[in-house]
Amino acid sequence: MRNEQRVSSSRCFSASVITSLGAMLALTVPATVSAAPAVDGAAAAKGRITYGRYCVSCHGPAAHGDGPLAHDLRVPVPDLTTLAARSGGQFPYDRVTRIIASGEQVKGHGSSDMPAWGDAFKKTRGTGAPTADAAIRNLTQYLASIQPSPAK
């Protein structure tokens, strides 16, 4: 019985964290967005592993917001492949990094729908990164790498 409670608690925690990221990223990004660094392929590959372990359950395997837990959440899970498109064509690197690390209040929801991952990444080895900051950087790099190229 205790193992079932731990698994259930772990799933609820993961779902709430991922939901909060999605809810926060779904907001309109301010017009002034700092330039995103070029995608680091090695970091993005590591970030993909972290994404698969922590984000797929809500955002889905292709990051379209259609993960198996998405329908159980109180806010719609955003399509993370549209972050750049929803930010004037530029990936909001700093904002995504900040949201993953620290969370963010979502207007109208009273409290953060997605808790910060920074502390969670400090307590796990499942990120494949030596530090929580590196895990967050890798995950942000992965999210930057899955943005479609603008039409030419």
Protein backbone atom coordinates (compact mmCIF):
# COMPACT_ATOMS: atom_id res chain seq x y z
CA MET A 1 0.00 0.00 0.00
CA ARG A 2 2.80 2.46 0.83
CA ASN A 3 4.50 1.86 -2.54
CA GLU A 4 1.21 2.64 -4.28
CA GLN A 5 0.93 5.87 -2.27
CA ARG A 6 4.52 6.83 -3.15
CA VAL A 7 3.95 6.16 -6.85
CA SER A 8 0.70 8.13 -6.75
CA SER A 9 2.37 11.03 -4.91
CA SER A 10 5.26 11.00 -7.36
CA ARG A 11 2.91 11.09 -10.34
CA CYS A 12 0.90 13.94 -8.81
CA PHE A 13 4.07 15.91 -8.13
CA SER A 14 5.35 15.36 -11.66
CA ALA A 15 1.99 16.26 -13.15
CA SER A 16 1.72 19.47 -11.15
CA VAL A 17 5.25 20.53 -11.99
CA ILE A 18 4.83 19.91 -15.68
CA THR A 19 1.41 21.52 -15.74
CA SER A 20 2.81 24.64 -14.18
CA LEU A 21 5.53 24.89 -16.84
CA GLY A 22 2.95 24.56 -19.54
CA ALA A 23 0.57 27.05 -18.01
CA MET A 24 3.31 29.58 -17.50
CA LEU A 25 4.75 29.17 -20.95
CA ALA A 26 1.30 29.54 -22.46
CA LEU A 27 1.17 33.16 -21.35
CA THR A 28 2.07 35.88 -23.77
CA VAL A 29 5.76 36.64 -23.61
CA PRO A 30 6.75 40.32 -23.37
CA ALA A 31 7.81 41.93 -26.64
CA THR A 32 11.38 42.35 -25.39
CA VAL A 33 12.96 38.93 -25.41
CA SER A 34 16.72 38.56 -25.20
CA ALA A 35 18.39 36.69 -28.02
CA ALA A 36 18.50 32.97 -27.43
CA PRO A 37 21.90 31.32 -27.66
CA ALA A 38 22.50 29.01 -30.57
CA VAL A 39 21.26 25.49 -29.87
CA ASP A 40 23.95 23.27 -28.40
CA GLY A 41 23.29 19.84 -29.91
CA ALA A 42 24.98 17.89 -27.10
CA ALA A 43 23.08 19.80 -24.41
CA ALA A 44 19.80 19.39 -26.34
CA ALA A 45 20.39 15.61 -26.55
CA LYS A 46 20.81 15.45 -22.77
CA GLY A 47 17.78 17.69 -22.35
CA ARG A 48 15.74 15.29 -24.45
CA ILE A 49 16.44 12.57 -21.88
CA THR A 50 15.31 14.87 -19.06
CA TYR A 51 12.23 15.82 -21.08
CA GLY A 52 11.39 12.13 -21.55
CA ARG A 53 11.66 11.46 -17.83
CA TYR A 54 9.92 14.53 -16.45
CA CYS A 55 7.79 16.22 -19.12
CA VAL A 56 6.31 13.61 -21.48
CA SER A 57 3.52 12.61 -19.10
CA CYS A 58 1.85 16.00 -19.60
CA HIS A 59 3.37 17.50 -22.75
CA GLY A 60 3.49 14.27 -24.76
CA PRO A 61 6.33 12.64 -26.70
CA ALA A 62 6.34 15.34 -29.40
CA ALA A 63 5.73 18.20 -26.88
CA HIS A 64 2.31 19.07 -28.33
CA GLY A 65 0.56 19.15 -24.92
CA ASP A 66 -1.09 15.78 -25.43
CA GLY A 67 0.58 13.60 -22.81
CA PRO A 68 -1.38 10.89 -20.99
CA LEU A 69 -1.92 13.09 -17.90
CA ALA A 70 -2.81 16.27 -19.82
CA HIS A 71 -6.56 15.67 -19.63
CA ASP A 72 -6.38 15.34 -15.83
CA LEU A 73 -4.94 18.81 -15.27
CA ARG A 74 -6.90 21.95 -14.46
CA VAL A 75 -5.24 24.08 -17.12
CA PRO A 76 -4.61 23.19 -20.76
CA VAL A 77 -1.11 21.87 -21.37
CA PRO A 78 0.56 24.01 -24.05
CA ASP A 79 2.30 22.87 -27.17
CA LEU A 80 5.96 23.49 -26.35
CA THR A 81 6.90 23.43 -30.04
CA THR A 82 5.18 26.81 -30.47
CA LEU A 83 7.11 28.77 -27.84
CA ALA A 84 9.09 30.74 -30.42
CA ALA A 85 6.05 31.33 -32.62
CA ARG A 86 4.12 32.68 -29.62
CA SER A 87 7.07 34.94 -28.78
CA GLY A 88 7.38 36.87 -31.99
CA GLY A 89 9.45 34.20 -33.72
CA GLN A 90 12.23 34.12 -31.13
CA PHE A 91 12.59 31.36 -28.54
CA PRO A 92 12.18 32.92 -25.05
CA TYR A 93 15.30 31.23 -23.67
CA ASP A 94 15.70 33.26 -20.48
CA ARG A 95 12.02 33.02 -19.57
CA VAL A 96 11.87 29.26 -20.18
CA THR A 97 15.01 28.77 -18.08
CA ARG A 98 13.56 30.90 -15.27
CA ILE A 99 10.23 29.08 -15.31
CA ILE A 100 11.85 25.66 -15.19
CA ALA A 101 14.17 26.76 -12.38
CA SER A 102 11.85 28.87 -10.24
CA GLY A 103 8.29 28.52 -11.43
CA GLU A 104 6.08 31.50 -12.11
CA GLN A 105 2.74 32.82 -10.95
CA VAL A 106 -0.03 32.47 -13.49
CA LYS A 107 -2.63 35.23 -13.39
CA GLY A 108 -6.06 33.95 -12.49
CA HIS A 109 -4.84 30.74 -10.91
CA GLY A 110 -3.92 32.06 -7.47
CA SER A 111 -0.81 29.95 -7.18
CA SER A 112 1.77 28.47 -9.46
CA ASP A 113 0.35 25.62 -11.50
CA MET A 114 3.87 24.39 -12.18
CA PRO A 115 6.26 24.27 -9.25
CA ALA A 116 9.92 24.97 -9.85
CA TRP A 117 12.07 22.08 -11.07
CA GLY A 118 15.32 23.57 -9.79
CA ASP A 119 15.02 21.98 -6.35
CA ALA A 120 13.68 18.71 -7.75
CA PHE A 121 16.66 18.40 -10.10
CA LYS A 122 19.02 18.88 -7.13
CA LYS A 123 17.57 15.76 -5.52
CA THR A 124 17.68 13.37 -8.45
CA ARG A 125 20.20 11.75 -10.71
CA GLY A 126 17.65 11.24 -13.48
CA THR A 127 18.70 14.30 -15.45
CA GLY A 128 22.08 13.04 -16.65
CA ALA A 129 23.57 16.42 -15.66
CA PRO A 130 26.10 17.16 -12.91
CA THR A 131 24.07 20.04 -11.44
CA ALA A 132 20.48 21.29 -11.39
CA ASP A 133 21.55 24.35 -13.40
CA ALA A 134 23.06 22.10 -16.08
CA ALA A 135 19.88 20.00 -16.20
CA ILE A 136 17.78 23.15 -16.64
CA ARG A 137 20.12 24.46 -19.35
CA ASN A 138 19.96 21.13 -21.17
CA LEU A 139 16.17 20.99 -20.99
CA THR A 140 15.91 24.57 -22.25
CA GLN A 141 18.29 23.71 -25.09
CA TYR A 142 16.09 20.75 -26.01
CA LEU A 143 12.96 22.91 -26.03
CA ALA A 144 14.77 25.45 -28.23
CA SER A 145 15.80 22.65 -30.59
CA ILE A 146 12.22 21.48 -31.22
CA GLN A 147 10.95 24.85 -32.42
CA PRO A 148 10.04 24.71 -36.12
CA SER A 149 12.14 26.84 -38.43
CA PRO A 150 10.32 29.94 -39.63
CA ALA A 151 8.86 29.71 -43.11
CA LYS A 152 11.01 31.34 -45.76
